Amino acid sequence: ELYYYEENGENYIVSSVAKMNDSILNGVSKNEKRYVMCHEIGHGFGLPHRDEIIGNRDLGSCLDYTNNFRENMQPDSSVDFD
């Protein structure tokens, strides 16, 4: 959940809530849990997906869809924050 307000055509994030579903994450690796948490918290900061294709080259970002969780545990520096 993302809470924001708009002022002069700009959106400003006020707060967000990232909920991790234990029934879905039950039985997955520790790396996958960390990846999912990074991914969802990144959205809470307003970060977009970097790539939504799982089978291509990893971008080294938790906002990249991947099966290689260990190598994608943090947002990357290529995201445009402006």
C-alpha atoms as a PDB file:
ATOM      1  CA  GLU A   1       0.000   0.000   0.000  1.00  0.00           C
ATOM      2  CA  LEU A   2       1.327   3.397  -0.946  1.00  0.00           C
ATOM      3  CA  TYR A   3      -0.010   6.655   0.468  1.00  0.00           C
ATOM      4  CA  TYR A   4       0.811   9.865  -1.345  1.00  0.00           C
ATOM      5  CA  TYR A   5      -0.486  13.304  -2.083  1.00  0.00           C
ATOM      6  CA  GLU A   6      -0.340  15.398  -5.229  1.00  0.00           C
ATOM      7  CA  GLU A   7       0.725  19.020  -5.282  1.00  0.00           C
ATOM      8  CA  ASN A   8       1.254  21.108  -8.416  1.00  0.00           C
ATOM      9  CA  GLY A   9       1.200  17.996 -10.583  1.00  0.00           C
ATOM     10  CA  GLU A  10       3.863  16.195  -8.493  1.00  0.00           C
ATOM     11  CA  ASN A  11       3.262  13.086  -6.348  1.00  0.00           C
ATOM     12  CA  TYR A  12       4.829  12.886  -2.886  1.00  0.00           C
ATOM     13  CA  ILE A  13       5.016   9.641  -0.912  1.00  0.00           C
ATOM     14  CA  VAL A  14       3.764  10.059   2.631  1.00  0.00           C
ATOM     15  CA  SER A  15       4.045   6.443   3.788  1.00  0.00           C
ATOM     16  CA  SER A  16       3.861   2.875   2.561  1.00  0.00           C
ATOM     17  CA  VAL A  17       3.189  -0.586   3.951  1.00  0.00           C
ATOM     18  CA  ALA A  18       4.931  -3.714   2.666  1.00  0.00           C
ATOM     19  CA  LYS A  19       3.273  -6.934   3.832  1.00  0.00           C
ATOM     20  CA  MET A  20       5.025 -10.277   3.494  1.00  0.00           C
ATOM     21  CA  ASN A  21       2.644 -13.243   3.160  1.00  0.00           C
ATOM     22  CA  ASP A  22       4.033 -16.092   5.268  1.00  0.00           C
ATOM     23  CA  SER A  23       1.912 -18.696   3.491  1.00  0.00           C
ATOM     24  CA  ILE A  24       3.458 -17.797   0.128  1.00  0.00           C
ATOM     25  CA  LEU A  25       7.011 -17.347   1.449  1.00  0.00           C
ATOM     26  CA  ASN A  26       6.899 -20.507   3.580  1.00  0.00           C
ATOM     27  CA  GLY A  27       9.518 -22.972   2.348  1.00  0.00           C
ATOM     28  CA  VAL A  28      11.438 -20.569   0.102  1.00  0.00           C
ATOM     29  CA  SER A  29      15.118 -19.793   0.638  1.00  0.00           C
ATOM     30  CA  LYS A  30      16.377 -17.027   2.901  1.00  0.00           C
ATOM     31  CA  ASN A  31      17.772 -15.274  -0.189  1.00  0.00           C
ATOM     32  CA  GLU A  32      14.372 -15.311  -1.898  1.00  0.00           C
ATOM     33  CA  LYS A  33      12.704 -13.845   1.206  1.00  0.00           C
ATOM     34  CA  ARG A  34      15.293 -11.053   1.319  1.00  0.00           C
ATOM     35  CA  TYR A  35      14.840 -10.401  -2.404  1.00  0.00           C
ATOM     36  CA  VAL A  36      11.044 -10.144  -2.018  1.00  0.00           C
ATOM     37  CA  MET A  37      11.368  -7.802   0.952  1.00  0.00           C
ATOM     38  CA  CYS A  38      13.838  -5.558  -0.913  1.00  0.00           C
ATOM     39  CA  HIS A  39      11.559  -5.581  -3.972  1.00  0.00           C
ATOM     40  CA  GLU A  40       8.428  -4.585  -2.060  1.00  0.00           C
ATOM     41  CA  ILE A  41      10.155  -1.997   0.143  1.00  0.00           C
ATOM     42  CA  GLY A  42      11.677  -0.512  -3.047  1.00  0.00           C
ATOM     43  CA  HIS A  43       8.152   0.002  -4.391  1.00  0.00           C
ATOM     44  CA  GLY A  44       7.336   1.723  -1.088  1.00  0.00           C
ATOM     45  CA  PHE A  45      10.037   4.259  -1.907  1.00  0.00           C
ATOM     46  CA  GLY A  46       8.482   4.727  -5.340  1.00  0.00           C
ATOM     47  CA  LEU A  47      11.036   2.666  -7.286  1.00  0.00           C
ATOM     48  CA  PRO A  48       9.777   0.997 -10.479  1.00  0.00           C
ATOM     49  CA  HIS A  49      10.523  -2.450 -11.869  1.00  0.00           C
ATOM     50  CA  ARG A  50      13.815  -2.438 -13.743  1.00  0.00           C
ATOM     51  CA  ASP A  51      12.894  -5.424 -15.897  1.00  0.00           C
ATOM     52  CA  GLU A  52       9.955  -7.851 -15.889  1.00  0.00           C
ATOM     53  CA  ILE A  53      11.515 -10.705 -17.905  1.00  0.00           C
ATOM     54  CA  ILE A  54      12.833 -13.495 -15.676  1.00  0.00           C
ATOM     55  CA  GLY A  55      14.963 -15.384 -18.220  1.00  0.00           C
ATOM     56  CA  ASN A  56      17.237 -12.613 -19.458  1.00  0.00           C
ATOM     57  CA  ARG A  57      20.492 -11.182 -18.014  1.00  0.00           C
ATOM     58  CA  ASP A  58      20.293 -10.106 -14.373  1.00  0.00           C
ATOM     59  CA  LEU A  59      20.576  -6.379 -13.699  1.00  0.00           C
ATOM     60  CA  GLY A  60      21.858  -6.802 -10.136  1.00  0.00           C
ATOM     61  CA  SER A  61      18.757  -5.160  -8.677  1.00  0.00           C
ATOM     62  CA  CYS A  62      16.006  -6.451  -6.418  1.00  0.00           C
ATOM     63  CA  LEU A  63      13.612  -4.587  -8.711  1.00  0.00           C
ATOM     64  CA  ASP A  64      14.608  -6.881 -11.600  1.00  0.00           C
ATOM     65  CA  TYR A  65      12.485 -10.022 -11.986  1.00  0.00           C
ATOM     66  CA  THR A  66      14.858 -12.956 -11.509  1.00  0.00           C
ATOM     67  CA  ASN A  67      15.354 -16.472 -10.179  1.00  0.00           C
ATOM     68  CA  ASN A  68      18.907 -15.568  -9.114  1.00  0.00           C
ATOM     69  CA  PHE A  69      17.970 -13.983  -5.777  1.00  0.00           C
ATOM     70  CA  ARG A  70      21.442 -14.006  -4.237  1.00  0.00           C
ATOM     71  CA  GLU A  71      22.843 -11.641  -6.876  1.00  0.00           C
ATOM     72  CA  ASN A  72      19.895  -9.229  -6.750  1.00  0.00           C
ATOM     73  CA  MET A  73      19.573  -8.206  -3.094  1.00  0.00           C
ATOM     74  CA  GLN A  74      19.562  -4.404  -3.324  1.00  0.00           C
ATOM     75  CA  PRO A  75      18.293  -1.619  -5.572  1.00  0.00           C
ATOM     76  CA  ASP A  76      20.823  -0.554  -8.160  1.00  0.00           C
ATOM     77  CA  SER A  77      22.159   2.941  -8.755  1.00  0.00           C
ATOM     78  CA  SER A  78      20.691   3.230 -12.275  1.00  0.00           C
ATOM     79  CA  VAL A  79      17.225   4.241 -11.053  1.00  0.00           C
ATOM     80  CA  ASP A  80      16.231   7.804 -11.865  1.00  0.00           C
ATOM     81  CA  PHE A  81      14.973   9.332  -8.619  1.00  0.00           C
ATOM     82  CA  ASP A  82      13.935  12.674 -10.164  1.00  0.00           C
END
